[in-house]
Protein backbone atom coordinates (compact mmCIF):
# COMPACT_ATOMS: atom_id res chain seq x y z
CA UNK A 1 -22.34 -38.88 47.63
CA UNK A 2 -23.90 -40.42 50.74
CA UNK A 3 -27.56 -41.34 50.89
CA UNK A 4 -28.10 -38.54 53.42
CA UNK A 5 -26.62 -36.02 51.01
CA UNK A 6 -28.70 -37.39 48.14
CA UNK A 7 -31.95 -36.69 50.01
CA UNK A 8 -30.75 -33.30 51.26
CA UNK A 9 -29.65 -32.30 47.77
CA UNK A 10 -33.19 -32.89 46.50
CA UNK A 11 -34.71 -30.99 49.44
CA UNK A 12 -32.41 -28.00 48.86
CA UNK A 13 -33.36 -27.89 45.20
CA UNK A 14 -36.97 -27.12 46.10
CA UNK A 15 -36.34 -24.36 48.66
CA UNK A 16 -38.55 -21.45 47.59
CA UNK A 17 -41.23 -23.51 45.85
CA UNK A 18 -44.64 -22.15 46.84
CA UNK A 19 -48.32 -23.02 46.64
CA UNK A 20 -50.40 -21.53 43.84
CA UNK A 21 -52.39 -19.65 44.94
CA UNK A 22 -50.91 -19.01 48.38
CA UNK A 23 -52.80 -20.78 51.15
CA UNK A 24 -54.40 -23.33 48.80
CA UNK A 25 -52.11 -26.34 49.42
CA UNK A 26 -52.01 -26.69 45.62
CA UNK A 27 -48.35 -27.58 45.09
CA UNK A 28 -46.15 -29.89 43.04
CA UNK A 29 -45.62 -32.45 45.81
CA UNK A 30 -49.35 -32.92 46.44
CA UNK A 31 -50.05 -33.16 42.72
CA UNK A 32 -47.48 -35.94 42.41
CA UNK A 33 -48.72 -37.77 45.49
CA UNK A 34 -52.45 -37.62 44.75
CA UNK A 35 -52.03 -37.88 40.99
CA UNK A 36 -54.07 -34.72 40.41
CA UNK A 37 -54.29 -31.11 41.48
CA UNK A 38 -55.76 -30.77 44.97
CA UNK A 39 -56.51 -27.81 47.22
CA UNK A 40 -58.02 -27.21 50.63
CA UNK A 41 -57.12 -27.36 54.31
CA UNK A 42 -57.18 -31.18 54.32
CA UNK A 43 -54.19 -31.33 51.96
CA UNK A 44 -51.33 -30.14 54.19
CA UNK A 45 -48.12 -31.10 52.41
CA UNK A 46 -45.12 -31.08 54.74
CA UNK A 47 -45.07 -34.90 54.74
CA UNK A 48 -45.78 -35.34 51.04
CA UNK A 49 -42.87 -32.96 50.33
CA UNK A 50 -40.50 -35.03 52.45
CA UNK A 51 -41.68 -38.27 50.90
CA UNK A 52 -41.14 -36.73 47.47
CA UNK A 53 -37.52 -35.92 48.39
CA UNK A 54 -36.85 -39.57 49.23
CA UNK A 55 -38.67 -40.68 46.08
CA UNK A 56 -36.72 -38.37 43.77
CA UNK A 57 -33.48 -39.46 45.44
CA UNK A 58 -34.52 -43.08 44.65
CA UNK A 59 -34.45 -43.91 48.35
CA UNK A 60 -38.14 -44.11 49.18
CA UNK A 61 -37.72 -47.63 50.57
CA UNK A 62 -35.84 -46.08 53.53
CA UNK A 63 -39.08 -44.51 54.75
CA UNK A 64 -40.93 -47.82 55.04
CA UNK A 65 -43.76 -46.40 52.90
CA UNK A 66 -42.87 -48.38 49.80
CA UNK A 67 -44.35 -50.55 47.11
CA UNK A 68 -41.84 -51.80 44.60
CA UNK A 69 -42.07 -50.81 40.93
CA UNK A 70 -44.85 -48.30 41.52
CA UNK A 71 -45.00 -44.53 41.20
CA UNK A 72 -44.64 -42.17 44.17
CA UNK A 73 -48.31 -41.91 45.07
CA UNK A 74 -48.66 -45.71 45.14
CA UNK A 75 -45.33 -46.43 46.77
CA UNK A 76 -46.02 -43.95 49.50
CA UNK A 77 -49.50 -44.91 50.63
CA UNK A 78 -50.24 -42.95 53.83
CA UNK A 79 -46.95 -41.03 53.61
CA UNK A 80 -48.88 -37.73 53.48
CA UNK A 81 -50.18 -38.22 57.04
CA UNK A 82 -47.53 -36.75 59.31
CA UNK A 83 -48.27 -38.83 62.40
CA UNK A 84 -47.83 -42.01 60.34
CA UNK A 85 -44.12 -41.19 60.15
CA UNK A 86 -43.99 -41.55 63.95
CA UNK A 87 -45.72 -44.94 63.83
CA UNK A 88 -43.54 -46.17 60.97
CA UNK A 89 -40.29 -45.06 62.61
CA UNK A 90 -41.21 -46.91 65.82
CA UNK A 91 -42.25 -49.98 63.86
CA UNK A 92 -38.85 -50.01 62.15
CA UNK A 93 -36.97 -49.27 65.39
CA UNK A 94 -35.70 -45.98 63.95
CA UNK A 95 -37.27 -43.50 66.40
CA UNK A 96 -34.81 -41.16 68.17
CA UNK A 97 -35.44 -38.42 70.74
CA UNK A 98 -32.03 -36.78 71.16
CA UNK A 99 -28.68 -36.22 69.44
CA UNK A 100 -30.35 -35.28 66.15
CA UNK A 101 -28.24 -35.54 63.01
CA UNK A 102 -28.39 -34.51 59.33
CA UNK A 103 -30.90 -36.67 57.47
CA UNK A 104 -33.17 -37.19 60.48
CA UNK A 105 -36.85 -36.55 59.74
CA UNK A 106 -37.88 -34.46 62.73
CA UNK A 107 -41.51 -34.46 63.93
CA UNK A 108 -43.18 -31.49 65.61
CA UNK A 109 -46.21 -31.31 67.88
CA UNK A 110 -47.24 -27.66 67.94
CA UNK A 111 -50.22 -28.05 70.29
CA UNK A 112 -48.83 -30.53 72.83
CA UNK A 113 -51.41 -33.27 72.32
CA UNK A 114 -48.91 -36.01 71.48
CA UNK A 115 -49.84 -36.05 67.78
CA UNK A 116 -47.32 -34.99 65.16
CA UNK A 117 -48.60 -32.22 62.90
CA UNK A 118 -45.44 -31.13 61.08
CA UNK A 119 -42.26 -32.70 59.71
CA UNK A 120 -38.98 -31.54 58.21
CA UNK A 121 -35.55 -32.96 57.44
CA UNK A 122 -32.50 -31.97 59.48
CA UNK A 123 -29.79 -30.31 57.42
CA UNK A 124 -27.47 -29.60 60.34
CA UNK A 125 -27.51 -29.69 64.14
CA UNK A 126 -25.86 -27.38 66.68
CA UNK A 127 -25.75 -29.20 70.00
CA UNK A 128 -24.24 -26.28 71.91
CA UNK A 129 -27.05 -23.93 70.80
CA UNK A 130 -29.63 -26.72 70.99
CA UNK A 131 -30.89 -25.86 67.51
CA UNK A 132 -31.56 -27.64 64.23
CA UNK A 133 -31.41 -26.28 60.71
CA UNK A 134 -34.20 -27.99 58.79
CA UNK A 135 -35.75 -27.97 55.34
CA UNK A 136 -39.53 -28.09 55.55
CA UNK A 137 -42.45 -28.07 53.20
CA UNK A 138 -45.68 -26.22 53.95
CA UNK A 139 -43.93 -23.62 56.09
CA UNK A 140 -45.36 -20.20 55.29
CA UNK A 141 -46.97 -21.83 52.22
CA UNK A 142 -43.54 -22.72 50.81
CA UNK A 143 -40.47 -24.95 51.12
CA UNK A 144 -38.16 -23.13 53.50
CA UNK A 145 -34.91 -23.57 55.40
CA UNK A 146 -35.67 -23.03 59.09
CA UNK A 147 -33.71 -22.82 62.34
CA UNK A 148 -35.65 -24.62 65.06
CA UNK A 149 -35.01 -24.72 68.78
CA UNK A 150 -35.05 -28.24 70.21
CA UNK A 151 -37.85 -27.70 72.71
CA UNK A 152 -41.11 -29.33 73.75
CA UNK A 153 -42.52 -29.02 70.25
CA UNK A 154 -39.91 -31.48 68.97
CA UNK A 155 -41.41 -34.94 69.54
CA UNK A 156 -38.49 -36.88 68.11
CA UNK A 157 -37.26 -37.98 64.74
CA UNK A 158 -37.33 -40.82 62.27
CA UNK A 159 -33.76 -41.81 61.43
CA UNK A 160 -33.78 -43.76 58.15
CA UNK A 161 -31.32 -46.61 57.88
CA UNK A 162 -28.97 -44.74 55.59
CA UNK A 163 -26.02 -46.64 54.17
CA UNK A 164 -22.57 -45.10 54.13
CA UNK A 165 -20.25 -46.55 51.50
CA UNK A 166 -17.09 -48.14 52.83
CA UNK A 167 -14.94 -46.34 50.27
CA UNK A 168 -16.56 -42.99 50.93
CA UNK A 169 -14.85 -40.25 52.94
CA UNK A 170 -17.09 -39.31 55.84
CA UNK A 171 -17.34 -35.84 57.28
CA UNK A 172 -17.71 -35.29 61.02
CA UNK A 173 -21.52 -35.16 61.01
CA UNK A 174 -21.78 -38.39 59.01
CA UNK A 175 -19.42 -40.11 61.43
CA UNK A 176 -21.48 -38.90 64.40
CA UNK A 177 -24.66 -40.22 62.77
CA UNK A 178 -23.08 -43.64 62.15
CA UNK A 179 -21.58 -43.80 65.64
CA UNK A 180 -24.83 -42.86 67.38
CA UNK A 181 -26.73 -45.45 65.40
CA UNK A 182 -24.15 -48.10 66.31
CA UNK A 183 -24.62 -47.29 70.01
CA UNK A 184 -28.40 -47.42 69.63
CA UNK A 185 -28.27 -50.75 67.78
CA UNK A 186 -26.18 -52.41 70.49
CA UNK A 187 -27.88 -50.78 73.52
CA UNK A 188 -29.95 -53.87 74.36
CA UNK A 189 -27.14 -56.40 73.78
CA UNK A 190 -26.44 -58.67 76.74
CA UNK A 191 -22.95 -59.21 78.20
CA UNK A 192 -20.82 -61.92 76.60
CA UNK A 193 -20.70 -65.18 78.52
CA UNK A 194 -17.26 -64.52 79.98
CA UNK A 195 -18.49 -61.26 81.57
CA UNK A 196 -22.00 -62.21 82.72
CA UNK A 197 -21.15 -63.01 86.36
CA UNK A 198 -19.22 -59.76 86.77
CA UNK A 199 -21.98 -57.78 85.07
CA UNK A 200 -24.60 -59.27 87.37
CA UNK A 201 -22.45 -58.47 90.41
CA UNK A 202 -22.04 -54.88 89.19
CA UNK A 203 -25.82 -54.51 88.95
CA UNK A 204 -26.41 -56.05 92.37
CA UNK A 205 -23.89 -53.67 93.97
CA UNK A 206 -25.49 -50.68 92.23
CA UNK A 207 -22.45 -49.86 90.11
CA UNK A 208 -24.39 -49.98 86.85
CA UNK A 209 -27.99 -48.89 86.47
CA UNK A 210 -28.43 -48.40 82.71
CA UNK A 211 -30.41 -45.59 81.11
CA UNK A 212 -33.83 -46.67 82.35
CA UNK A 213 -34.45 -48.83 79.27
CA UNK A 214 -31.24 -50.66 78.35
CA UNK A 215 -28.02 -51.49 80.20
CA UNK A 216 -25.74 -50.56 77.28
CA UNK A 217 -23.26 -53.25 78.28
CA UNK A 218 -21.19 -52.94 75.11
CA UNK A 219 -21.03 -49.16 74.90
CA UNK A 220 -17.81 -47.27 75.70
CA UNK A 221 -17.47 -45.77 79.19
CA UNK A 222 -16.48 -42.11 79.47
CA UNK A 223 -14.41 -40.75 82.35
CA UNK A 224 -17.45 -38.98 83.78
CA UNK A 225 -19.40 -42.25 83.76
CA UNK A 226 -16.47 -44.03 85.38
CA UNK A 227 -16.45 -41.39 88.12
CA UNK A 228 -20.12 -42.12 88.85
CA UNK A 229 -19.45 -45.87 89.05
CA UNK A 230 -16.53 -45.30 91.43
CA UNK A 231 -18.69 -43.05 93.59
CA UNK A 232 -21.44 -45.66 93.77
CA UNK A 233 -18.89 -48.24 94.93
CA UNK A 234 -17.59 -45.91 97.62
CA UNK A 235 -14.20 -45.48 96.00
CA UNK A 236 -14.35 -41.67 95.96
């Protein structure tokens, strides 16, 4: 079983778990995190639920909120604060804003102030419908499976550095996740020495312009991208 599936399996197991009483934020995942029963508006638990899923899957180190040989609440210092997941993902270079995949920890900003106030884990993605199926804690006072539109409320996602075993059979979604991460990892790579002069000439002639951040020199070129390059060079 892949690391992505390990975390998702834990998340699925808790679908339907609710607060007691409803609206109190008194729930298993907070009790584990804080080491005691808590209740009140200050104890929102979408992030502590997600952290708990990684902890139970024995993969908490993938979140960056980790102290070795300690229990969940000590390992995961600050994991209960949703916006800290944004900061940690950027610190680790694991922040993504498109092409979401299973296992991504998607952050929501409901009020549009640039601060994350909800988090869930992506179970599946439908690019044609522009939707995500997520598992989220603290949604209607329970753990629920949700279908979310990828709209302005979706800030981005933390993509943990999941490992996929070499001898493991990958499904299509796992392959897409691995391939997208490979492209992201090599986006800032510079041309090899033998190609540098040609690459510089291509930039000077306007053939290649990059994506606004990186030049993606070592990424594959699709036919539609090749058509754009040819048009820029006046060949069409």
